[in-house]
């Protein structure tokens, strides 16, 4: 495992895409995680499908630190579980996660935390 390796998922989106340029000039082996495995901004690409535990494990192999962006999706919980299991089995030392959730009356994706006082 490279102690200076970091995988940033969501590299084609707003959050991951904004983080990559900030890390570019650091002394890191930088990987851009996205569904196509595209190289982004000089960071080598790694394909990742959060719904496939094997894909997540492959993406996290030999990575020291992972910044995980999980997009809003009806199967977000399954995606998050796959990330947690893969991170544990691959020995990720540091992980930061970001997941987008929202409630809108016209959205097909609904999420309400049990402790929420608002109705979604």
Protein backbone atom coordinates (compact mmCIF):
# COMPACT_ATOMS: atom_id res chain seq x y z
CA UNK A 1 0.00 0.00 0.00
CA UNK A 2 1.27 3.44 -0.93
CA UNK A 3 1.08 5.62 2.22
CA UNK A 4 0.56 8.72 0.07
CA UNK A 5 -2.18 7.34 -2.18
CA UNK A 6 -5.62 8.89 -2.21
CA UNK A 7 -8.70 7.94 -4.20
CA UNK A 8 -11.26 10.67 -4.81
CA UNK A 9 -14.58 9.31 -6.07
CA UNK A 10 -17.17 11.44 -7.77
CA UNK A 11 -14.28 12.96 -9.70
CA UNK A 12 -16.54 13.98 -12.60
CA UNK A 13 -19.00 15.74 -10.28
CA UNK A 14 -19.07 18.93 -8.24
CA UNK A 15 -17.51 17.72 -4.99
CA UNK A 16 -14.88 15.24 -6.16
CA UNK A 17 -14.14 17.38 -9.20
CA UNK A 18 -13.45 20.38 -6.96
CA UNK A 19 -11.23 18.37 -4.60
CA UNK A 20 -8.89 16.95 -7.26
CA UNK A 21 -7.31 20.30 -8.25
CA UNK A 22 -6.76 21.14 -4.57
CA UNK A 23 -4.76 17.93 -4.09
CA UNK A 24 -2.92 18.03 -7.42
CA UNK A 25 0.19 19.82 -6.17
CA UNK A 26 0.53 17.80 -2.97
CA UNK A 27 3.03 14.94 -2.65
CA UNK A 28 0.36 12.28 -3.32
CA UNK A 29 -0.40 9.45 -5.67
CA UNK A 30 -3.80 10.74 -6.73
CA UNK A 31 -6.53 8.56 -8.23
CA UNK A 32 -9.80 9.77 -9.80
CA UNK A 33 -12.63 7.35 -9.06
CA UNK A 34 -15.56 7.42 -11.47
CA UNK A 35 -17.85 4.99 -13.26
CA UNK A 36 -15.84 5.10 -16.49
CA UNK A 37 -12.36 4.97 -14.92
CA UNK A 38 -11.43 8.21 -16.70
CA UNK A 39 -8.23 10.10 -15.98
CA UNK A 40 -9.30 13.51 -14.64
CA UNK A 41 -7.03 16.53 -14.29
CA UNK A 42 -3.87 14.44 -14.36
CA UNK A 43 -5.14 11.93 -11.77
CA UNK A 44 -5.20 8.38 -13.13
CA UNK A 45 -8.69 6.94 -13.32
CA UNK A 46 -10.10 3.99 -11.41
CA UNK A 47 -13.48 2.58 -12.34
CA UNK A 48 -15.90 2.16 -9.46
CA UNK A 49 -19.48 0.89 -9.32
CA UNK A 50 -20.75 1.32 -5.76
CA UNK A 51 -23.41 -1.35 -6.29
CA UNK A 52 -20.71 -3.97 -6.89
CA UNK A 53 -18.66 -4.90 -3.82
CA UNK A 54 -15.99 -6.39 -6.10
CA UNK A 55 -15.72 -3.14 -8.07
CA UNK A 56 -15.37 -1.12 -4.86
CA UNK A 57 -12.69 -3.50 -3.56
CA UNK A 58 -10.73 -3.22 -6.81
CA UNK A 59 -10.92 0.58 -6.69
CA UNK A 60 -9.70 0.67 -3.07
CA UNK A 61 -6.84 -1.82 -3.55
CA UNK A 62 -3.46 -0.31 -2.56
CA UNK A 63 -5.12 2.95 -1.47
CA UNK A 64 -4.23 4.54 1.87
CA UNK A 65 -6.89 7.27 1.96
CA UNK A 66 -10.29 7.43 0.28
CA UNK A 67 -12.58 10.40 -0.17
CA UNK A 68 -15.91 8.81 -1.06
CA UNK A 69 -18.76 10.76 -2.65
CA UNK A 70 -21.92 8.67 -2.91
CA UNK A 71 -24.48 10.28 -5.22
CA UNK A 72 -28.16 10.43 -4.36
CA UNK A 73 -29.70 7.18 -5.48
CA UNK A 74 -32.52 4.90 -4.28
CA UNK A 75 -29.86 2.30 -3.35
CA UNK A 76 -27.62 4.67 -1.39
CA UNK A 77 -27.65 2.48 1.71
CA UNK A 78 -26.44 -0.54 -0.27
CA UNK A 79 -23.71 1.59 -1.84
CA UNK A 80 -22.57 2.86 1.56
CA UNK A 81 -22.50 -0.68 2.96
CA UNK A 82 -20.36 -1.85 0.03
CA UNK A 83 -17.91 0.99 0.64
CA UNK A 84 -17.69 0.20 4.37
CA UNK A 85 -17.11 -3.52 3.74
CA UNK A 86 -14.56 -2.92 0.99
CA UNK A 87 -12.68 -0.32 3.04
CA UNK A 88 -12.38 -2.77 5.91
CA UNK A 89 -11.29 -5.70 3.75
CA UNK A 90 -8.71 -3.68 1.77
CA UNK A 91 -7.19 -1.97 4.80
CA UNK A 92 -8.06 1.64 4.04
CA UNK A 93 -6.48 3.71 6.80
CA UNK A 94 -8.35 6.98 6.35
CA UNK A 95 -11.77 7.58 4.86
CA UNK A 96 -13.96 10.63 4.44
CA UNK A 97 -17.44 10.16 3.03
CA UNK A 98 -20.00 12.51 1.62
CA UNK A 99 -23.51 11.48 0.60
CA UNK A 100 -26.21 13.70 -0.85
CA UNK A 101 -29.72 13.30 0.48
CA UNK A 102 -32.67 15.55 0.04
CA UNK A 103 -36.43 15.61 0.19
CA UNK A 104 -38.49 17.28 -2.47
CA UNK A 105 -42.15 16.81 -3.13
CA UNK A 106 -41.54 15.88 -6.78
CA UNK A 107 -38.47 13.70 -6.19
CA UNK A 108 -38.79 9.94 -6.60
CA UNK A 109 -36.05 9.58 -3.99
CA UNK A 110 -37.40 10.11 -0.49
CA UNK A 111 -35.38 9.93 2.69
CA UNK A 112 -36.37 10.96 6.17
CA UNK A 113 -34.24 10.33 9.20
CA UNK A 114 -36.26 8.90 12.09
CA UNK A 115 -35.29 11.78 14.34
CA UNK A 116 -36.39 14.35 11.78
CA UNK A 117 -39.18 16.66 12.89
CA UNK A 118 -39.98 17.58 9.28
CA UNK A 119 -42.25 15.58 7.05
CA UNK A 120 -40.82 14.71 3.66
